[in-house]
Amino acid sequence: MRLKNLREDRDIKQTEIANILNCKQNTYQQYESGKRQIPIEALKKLAFFYNTSIDYILDITDQIDPYPRKNNI
């Protein structure tokens, strides 16, 4: 996963991202390290926050640009 790279590229601390996801810092650290699976809703929040796709976060694609968003989101 690219969570750590996305966060560090923006000089954001783990605690800040944990606050966005409404979880504890150590829980977020486990997401970054792959020790814990990140919930889908958290992935969606991070994709919106970083303006990218879940596929990019999960290292499925190298295309950083997000997909077009649905109008009702």
PDB file of N, CA and C in Angstrom:
ATOM      1  N   MET A   1       0.838  -1.187   0.000  1.00  0.00           N
ATOM      2  CA  MET A   1       0.000   0.000   0.000  1.00  0.00           C
ATOM      3  C   MET A   1       0.878   1.244   0.000  1.00  0.00           C
ATOM      4  N   ARG A   2       0.279   2.304  -0.467  1.00  0.00           N
ATOM      5  CA  ARG A   2       1.002   3.569  -0.577  1.00  0.00           C
ATOM      6  C   ARG A   2       0.611   4.575   0.501  1.00  0.00           C
ATOM      7  N   LEU A   3       0.011   4.136   1.563  1.00  0.00           N
ATOM      8  CA  LEU A   3      -0.459   5.066   2.590  1.00  0.00           C
ATOM      9  C   LEU A   3       0.665   5.917   3.161  1.00  0.00           C
ATOM     10  N   LYS A   4       1.759   5.283   3.501  1.00  0.00           N
ATOM     11  CA  LYS A   4       2.872   6.014   4.114  1.00  0.00           C
ATOM     12  C   LYS A   4       3.454   7.037   3.147  1.00  0.00           C
ATOM     13  N   ASN A   5       3.644   6.649   1.895  1.00  0.00           N
ATOM     14  CA  ASN A   5       4.209   7.578   0.913  1.00  0.00           C
ATOM     15  C   ASN A   5       3.291   8.772   0.686  1.00  0.00           C
ATOM     16  N   LEU A   6       2.004   8.520   0.548  1.00  0.00           N
ATOM     17  CA  LEU A   6       1.061   9.620   0.350  1.00  0.00           C
ATOM     18  C   LEU A   6       1.099  10.583   1.530  1.00  0.00           C
ATOM     19  N   ARG A   7       1.130  10.040   2.732  1.00  0.00           N
ATOM     20  CA  ARG A   7       1.153  10.879   3.938  1.00  0.00           C
ATOM     21  C   ARG A   7       2.446  11.664   4.045  1.00  0.00           C
ATOM     22  N   GLU A   8       3.573  10.986   3.848  1.00  0.00           N
ATOM     23  CA  GLU A   8       4.866  11.653   3.997  1.00  0.00           C
ATOM     24  C   GLU A   8       5.115  12.685   2.903  1.00  0.00           C
ATOM     25  N   ASP A   9       4.621  12.435   1.697  1.00  0.00           N
ATOM     26  CA  ASP A   9       4.783  13.407   0.609  1.00  0.00           C
ATOM     27  C   ASP A   9       4.107  14.730   0.939  1.00  0.00           C
ATOM     28  N   ARG A  10       3.124  14.696   1.817  1.00  0.00           N
ATOM     29  CA  ARG A  10       2.392  15.906   2.210  1.00  0.00           C
ATOM     30  C   ARG A  10       2.782  16.397   3.598  1.00  0.00           C
ATOM     31  N   ASP A  11       3.822  15.789   4.177  1.00  0.00           N
ATOM     32  CA  ASP A  11       4.306  16.173   5.510  1.00  0.00           C
ATOM     33  C   ASP A  11       3.192  16.161   6.562  1.00  0.00           C
ATOM     34  N   ILE A  12       2.417  15.074   6.558  1.00  0.00           N
ATOM     35  CA  ILE A  12       1.324  14.917   7.506  1.00  0.00           C
ATOM     36  C   ILE A  12       1.711  13.841   8.510  1.00  0.00           C
ATOM     37  N   LYS A  13       1.371  14.054   9.759  1.00  0.00           N
ATOM     38  CA  LYS A  13       1.666  13.081  10.810  1.00  0.00           C
ATOM     39  C   LYS A  13       0.569  12.012  10.864  1.00  0.00           C
ATOM     40  N   GLN A  14       0.945  10.845  11.354  1.00  0.00           N
ATOM     41  CA  GLN A  14      -0.016   9.751  11.496  1.00  0.00           C
ATOM     42  C   GLN A  14      -1.210  10.157  12.353  1.00  0.00           C
ATOM     43  N   THR A  15      -0.967  10.942  13.371  1.00  0.00           N
ATOM     44  CA  THR A  15      -2.063  11.354  14.251  1.00  0.00           C
ATOM     45  C   THR A  15      -3.102  12.186  13.499  1.00  0.00           C
ATOM     46  N   GLU A  16      -2.658  13.001  12.548  1.00  0.00           N
ATOM     47  CA  GLU A  16      -3.586  13.811  11.763  1.00  0.00           C
ATOM     48  C   GLU A  16      -4.487  12.929  10.901  1.00  0.00           C
ATOM     49  N   ILE A  17      -3.899  11.926  10.264  1.00  0.00           N
ATOM     50  CA  ILE A  17      -4.686  11.018   9.432  1.00  0.00           C
ATOM     51  C   ILE A  17      -5.600  10.175  10.321  1.00  0.00           C
ATOM     52  N   ALA A  18      -5.110   9.753  11.459  1.00  0.00           N
ATOM     53  CA  ALA A  18      -5.942   8.986  12.396  1.00  0.00           C
ATOM     54  C   ALA A  18      -7.166   9.802  12.809  1.00  0.00           C
ATOM     55  N   ASN A  19      -6.989  11.101  13.030  1.00  0.00           N
ATOM     56  CA  ASN A  19      -8.120  11.962  13.381  1.00  0.00           C
ATOM     57  C   ASN A  19      -9.139  12.026  12.253  1.00  0.00           C
ATOM     58  N   ILE A  20      -8.667  12.097  11.016  1.00  0.00           N
ATOM     59  CA  ILE A  20      -9.569  12.126   9.862  1.00  0.00           C
ATOM     60  C   ILE A  20     -10.376  10.832   9.788  1.00  0.00           C
ATOM     61  N   LEU A  21      -9.719   9.715  10.095  1.00  0.00           N
ATOM     62  CA  LEU A  21     -10.378   8.411  10.031  1.00  0.00           C
ATOM     63  C   LEU A  21     -11.121   8.058  11.318  1.00  0.00           C
ATOM     64  N   ASN A  22     -11.013   8.924  12.316  1.00  0.00           N
ATOM     65  CA  ASN A  22     -11.650   8.691  13.615  1.00  0.00           C
ATOM     66  C   ASN A  22     -11.159   7.381  14.246  1.00  0.00           C
ATOM     67  N   CYS A  23      -9.846   7.215  14.259  1.00  0.00           N
ATOM     68  CA  CYS A  23      -9.242   6.043  14.901  1.00  0.00           C
ATOM     69  C   CYS A  23      -8.018   6.499  15.686  1.00  0.00           C
ATOM     70  N   LYS A  24      -7.424   5.601  16.409  1.00  0.00           N
ATOM     71  CA  LYS A  24      -6.213   5.928  17.181  1.00  0.00           C
ATOM     72  C   LYS A  24      -4.988   5.878  16.271  1.00  0.00           C
ATOM     73  N   GLN A  25      -3.946   6.594  16.682  1.00  0.00           N
ATOM     74  CA  GLN A  25      -2.716   6.654  15.891  1.00  0.00           C
ATOM     75  C   GLN A  25      -2.118   5.271  15.691  1.00  0.00           C
ATOM     76  N   ASN A  26      -2.117   4.443  16.737  1.00  0.00           N
ATOM     77  CA  ASN A  26      -1.516   3.109  16.595  1.00  0.00           C
ATOM     78  C   ASN A  26      -2.328   2.223  15.650  1.00  0.00           C
ATOM     79  N   THR A  27      -3.636   2.423  15.582  1.00  0.00           N
ATOM     80  CA  THR A  27      -4.457   1.693  14.617  1.00  0.00           C
ATOM     81  C   THR A  27      -4.077   2.105  13.207  1.00  0.00           C
ATOM     82  N   TYR A  28      -3.948   3.414  12.990  1.00  0.00           N
ATOM     83  CA  TYR A  28      -3.547   3.881  11.659  1.00  0.00           C
ATOM     84  C   TYR A  28      -2.150   3.367  11.301  1.00  0.00           C
ATOM     85  N   GLN A  29      -1.256   3.345  12.261  1.00  0.00           N
ATOM     86  CA  GLN A  29       0.100   2.839  12.007  1.00  0.00           C
ATOM     87  C   GLN A  29       0.035   1.385  11.538  1.00  0.00           C
ATOM     88  N   GLN A  30      -0.868   0.614  12.116  1.00  0.00           N
ATOM     89  CA  GLN A  30      -1.033  -0.780  11.698  1.00  0.00           C
ATOM     90  C   GLN A  30      -1.599  -0.872  10.285  1.00  0.00           C
ATOM     91  N   TYR A  31      -2.438   0.072   9.885  1.00  0.00           N
ATOM     92  CA  TYR A  31      -2.902   0.119   8.492  1.00  0.00           C
ATOM     93  C   TYR A  31      -1.721   0.356   7.558  1.00  0.00           C
ATOM     94  N   GLU A  32      -0.902   1.348   7.914  1.00  0.00           N
ATOM     95  CA  GLU A  32       0.257   1.683   7.079  1.00  0.00           C
ATOM     96  C   GLU A  32       1.233   0.521   6.955  1.00  0.00           C
ATOM     97  N   SER A  33       1.460  -0.181   8.037  1.00  0.00           N
ATOM     98  CA  SER A  33       2.448  -1.259   8.034  1.00  0.00           C
ATOM     99  C   SER A  33       1.889  -2.572   7.485  1.00  0.00           C
ATOM    100  N   GLY A  34       0.582  -2.632   7.268  1.00  0.00           N
ATOM    101  CA  GLY A  34      -0.023  -3.846   6.747  1.00  0.00           C
ATOM    102  C   GLY A  34      -0.334  -4.890   7.809  1.00  0.00           C
ATOM    103  N   LYS A  35      -0.193  -4.514   9.074  1.00  0.00           N
ATOM    104  CA  LYS A  35      -0.488  -5.447  10.165  1.00  0.00           C
ATOM    105  C   LYS A  35      -1.981  -5.564  10.425  1.00  0.00           C
ATOM    106  N   ARG A  36      -2.742  -4.626   9.894  1.00  0.00           N
ATOM    107  CA  ARG A  36      -4.190  -4.623  10.087  1.00  0.00           C
ATOM    108  C   ARG A  36      -4.838  -4.183   8.779  1.00  0.00           C
ATOM    109  N   GLN A  37      -5.926  -4.837   8.403  1.00  0.00           N
ATOM    110  CA  GLN A  37      -6.631  -4.456   7.184  1.00  0.00           C
ATOM    111  C   GLN A  37      -7.391  -3.161   7.406  1.00  0.00           C
ATOM    112  N   ILE A  38      -7.281  -2.285   6.424  1.00  0.00           N
ATOM    113  CA  ILE A  38      -7.969  -1.007   6.516  1.00  0.00           C
ATOM    114  C   ILE A  38      -9.404  -1.176   6.016  1.00  0.00           C
ATOM    115  N   PRO A  39     -10.375  -0.669   6.751  1.00  0.00           N
ATOM    116  CA  PRO A  39     -11.771  -0.788   6.321  1.00  0.00           C
ATOM    117  C   PRO A  39     -12.030  -0.031   5.016  1.00  0.00           C
ATOM    118  N   ILE A  40     -12.993  -0.500   4.265  1.00  0.00           N
ATOM    119  CA  ILE A  40     -13.324   0.127   2.981  1.00  0.00           C
ATOM    120  C   ILE A  40     -13.712   1.584   3.163  1.00  0.00           C
ATOM    121  N   GLU A  41     -14.490   1.891   4.180  1.00  0.00           N
ATOM    122  CA  GLU A  41     -14.894   3.287   4.398  1.00  0.00           C
ATOM    123  C   GLU A  41     -13.689   4.182   4.654  1.00  0.00           C
ATOM    124  N   ALA A  42     -12.684   3.671   5.340  1.00  0.00           N
ATOM    125  CA  ALA A  42     -11.458   4.443   5.575  1.00  0.00           C
ATOM    126  C   ALA A  42     -10.706   4.640   4.264  1.00  0.00           C
ATOM    127  N   LEU A  43     -10.661   3.623   3.428  1.00  0.00           N
ATOM    128  CA  LEU A  43     -10.024   3.761   2.110  1.00  0.00           C
ATOM    129  C   LEU A  43     -10.721   4.832   1.277  1.00  0.00           C
ATOM    130  N   LYS A  44     -12.040   4.841   1.318  1.00  0.00           N
ATOM    131  CA  LYS A  44     -12.793   5.854   0.576  1.00  0.00           C
ATOM    132  C   LYS A  44     -12.448   7.255   1.077  1.00  0.00           C
ATOM    133  N   LYS A  45     -12.405   7.434   2.399  1.00  0.00           N
ATOM    134  CA  LYS A  45     -12.060   8.743   2.965  1.00  0.00           C
ATOM    135  C   LYS A  45     -10.670   9.179   2.518  1.00  0.00           C
ATOM    136  N   LEU A  46      -9.715   8.239   2.550  1.00  0.00           N
ATOM    137  CA  LEU A  46      -8.349   8.578   2.169  1.00  0.00           C
ATOM    138  C   LEU A  46      -8.239   8.885   0.679  1.00  0.00           C
ATOM    139  N   ALA A  47      -8.969   8.171  -0.151  1.00  0.00           N
ATOM    140  CA  ALA A  47      -8.952   8.458  -1.584  1.00  0.00           C
ATOM    141  C   ALA A  47      -9.466   9.874  -1.840  1.00  0.00           C
ATOM    142  N   PHE A  48     -10.542  10.272  -1.162  1.00  0.00           N
ATOM    143  CA  PHE A  48     -11.039  11.643  -1.295  1.00  0.00           C
ATOM    144  C   PHE A  48     -10.026  12.641  -0.735  1.00  0.00           C
ATOM    145  N   PHE A  49      -9.477  12.346   0.427  1.00  0.00           N
ATOM    146  CA  PHE A  49      -8.528  13.251   1.070  1.00  0.00           C
ATOM    147  C   PHE A  49      -7.299  13.490   0.198  1.00  0.00           C
ATOM    148  N   TYR A  50      -6.734  12.419  -0.355  1.00  0.00           N
ATOM    149  CA  TYR A  50      -5.527  12.526  -1.170  1.00  0.00           C
ATOM    150  C   TYR A  50      -5.827  12.802  -2.645  1.00  0.00           C
ATOM    151  N   ASN A  51      -7.115  12.874  -2.991  1.00  0.00           N
ATOM    152  CA  ASN A  51      -7.544  13.120  -4.364  1.00  0.00           C
ATOM    153  C   ASN A  51      -6.933  12.095  -5.322  1.00  0.00           C
ATOM    154  N   THR A  52      -7.121  10.852  -4.999  1.00  0.00           N
ATOM    155  CA  THR A  52      -6.624   9.749  -5.811  1.00  0.00           C
ATOM    156  C   THR A  52      -7.653   8.626  -5.787  1.00  0.00           C
ATOM    157  N   SER A  53      -7.292   7.483  -6.323  1.00  0.00           N
ATOM    158  CA  SER A  53      -8.210   6.345  -6.323  1.00  0.00           C
ATOM    159  C   SER A  53      -7.783   5.306  -5.288  1.00  0.00           C
ATOM    160  N   ILE A  54      -8.722   4.480  -4.905  1.00  0.00           N
ATOM    161  CA  ILE A  54      -8.403   3.371  -4.011  1.00  0.00           C
ATOM    162  C   ILE A  54      -7.416   2.437  -4.693  1.00  0.00           C
ATOM    163  N   ASP A  55      -7.553   2.255  -6.000  1.00  0.00           N
ATOM    164  CA  ASP A  55      -6.613   1.410  -6.746  1.00  0.00           C
ATOM    165  C   ASP A  55      -5.178   1.917  -6.610  1.00  0.00           C
ATOM    166  N   TYR A  56      -5.003   3.232  -6.630  1.00  0.00           N
ATOM    167  CA  TYR A  56      -3.658   3.791  -6.466  1.00  0.00           C
ATOM    168  C   TYR A  56      -3.151   3.542  -5.046  1.00  0.00           C
ATOM    169  N   ILE A  57      -3.997   3.771  -4.055  1.00  0.00           N
ATOM    170  CA  ILE A  57      -3.594   3.547  -2.667  1.00  0.00           C
ATOM    171  C   ILE A  57      -3.163   2.098  -2.462  1.00  0.00           C
ATOM    172  N   LEU A  58      -3.899   1.161  -3.076  1.00  0.00           N
ATOM    173  CA  LEU A  58      -3.617  -0.258  -2.907  1.00  0.00           C
ATOM    174  C   LEU A  58      -2.525  -0.765  -3.837  1.00  0.00           C
ATOM    175  N   ASP A  59      -1.919   0.135  -4.608  1.00  0.00           N
ATOM    176  CA  ASP A  59      -0.812  -0.201  -5.513  1.00  0.00           C
ATOM    177  C   ASP A  59      -1.251  -1.132  -6.651  1.00  0.00           C
ATOM    178  N   ILE A  60      -2.511  -0.984  -7.069  1.00  0.00           N
ATOM    179  CA  ILE A  60      -3.024  -1.747  -8.204  1.00  0.00           C
ATOM    180  C   ILE A  60      -2.687  -1.039  -9.514  1.00  0.00           C
ATOM    181  N   THR A  61      -2.601   0.293  -9.446  1.00  0.00           N
ATOM    182  CA  THR A  61      -2.275   1.092 -10.616  1.00  0.00           C
ATOM    183  C   THR A  61      -1.236   2.146 -10.243  1.00  0.00           C
ATOM    184  N   ASP A  62      -0.529   2.638 -11.243  1.00  0.00           N
ATOM    185  CA  ASP A  62       0.399   3.741 -11.033  1.00  0.00           C
ATOM    186  C   ASP A  62      -0.223   5.077 -11.417  1.00  0.00           C
ATOM    187  N   GLN A  63      -1.461   5.046 -11.870  1.00  0.00           N
ATOM    188  CA  GLN A  63      -2.185   6.264 -12.256  1.00  0.00           C
ATOM    189  C   GLN A  63      -2.713   6.937 -10.999  1.00  0.00           C
ATOM    190  N   ILE A  64      -2.117   8.076 -10.640  1.00  0.00           N
ATOM    191  CA  ILE A  64      -2.483   8.744  -9.387  1.00  0.00           C
ATOM    192  C   ILE A  64      -3.792   9.516  -9.489  1.00  0.00           C
ATOM    193  N   ASP A  65      -4.172   9.933 -10.700  1.00  0.00           N
ATOM    194  CA  ASP A  65      -5.399  10.707 -10.865  1.00  0.00           C
ATOM    195  C   ASP A  65      -6.618   9.873 -10.478  1.00  0.00           C
ATOM    196  N   PRO A  66      -7.570  10.505  -9.792  1.00  0.00           N
ATOM    197  CA  PRO A  66      -8.765   9.753  -9.376  1.00  0.00           C
ATOM    198  C   PRO A  66      -9.685   9.508 -10.568  1.00  0.00           C
ATOM    199  N   TYR A  67     -10.567   8.547 -10.408  1.00  0.00           N
ATOM    200  CA  TYR A  67     -11.618   8.316 -11.387  1.00  0.00           C
ATOM    201  C   TYR A  67     -12.610   9.470 -11.283  1.00  0.00           C
ATOM    202  N   PRO A  68     -13.388   9.717 -12.322  1.00  0.00           N
ATOM    203  CA  PRO A  68     -14.445  10.727 -12.199  1.00  0.00           C
ATOM    204  C   PRO A  68     -15.400  10.344 -11.069  1.00  0.00           C
ATOM    205  N   ARG A  69     -15.789  11.309 -10.275  1.00  0.00           N
ATOM    206  CA  ARG A  69     -16.657  11.068  -9.127  1.00  0.00           C
ATOM    207  C   ARG A  69     -18.123  11.038  -9.552  1.00  0.00           C
ATOM    208  N   LYS A  70     -18.903  10.253  -8.820  1.00  0.00           N
ATOM    209  CA  LYS A  70     -20.344  10.253  -9.021  1.00  0.00           C
ATOM    210  C   LYS A  70     -20.898  11.566  -8.491  1.00  0.00           C
ATOM    211  N   ASN A  71     -21.975  12.023  -9.069  1.00  0.00           N
ATOM    212  CA  ASN A  71     -22.583  13.302  -8.659  1.00  0.00           C
ATOM    213  C   ASN A  71     -23.187  13.258  -7.272  1.00  0.00           C
ATOM    214  N   ASN A  72     -23.605  12.086  -6.820  1.00  0.00           N
ATOM    215  CA  ASN A  72     -24.300  12.009  -5.529  1.00  0.00           C
ATOM    216  C   ASN A  72     -23.372  11.750  -4.352  1.00  0.00           C
ATOM    217  N   ILE A  73     -22.082  11.890  -4.532  1.00  0.00           N
ATOM    218  CA  ILE A  73     -21.142  11.659  -3.423  1.00  0.00           C
ATOM    219  C   ILE A  73     -20.643  12.988  -2.901  1.00  0.00           C
TER     220      ILE A  73
END
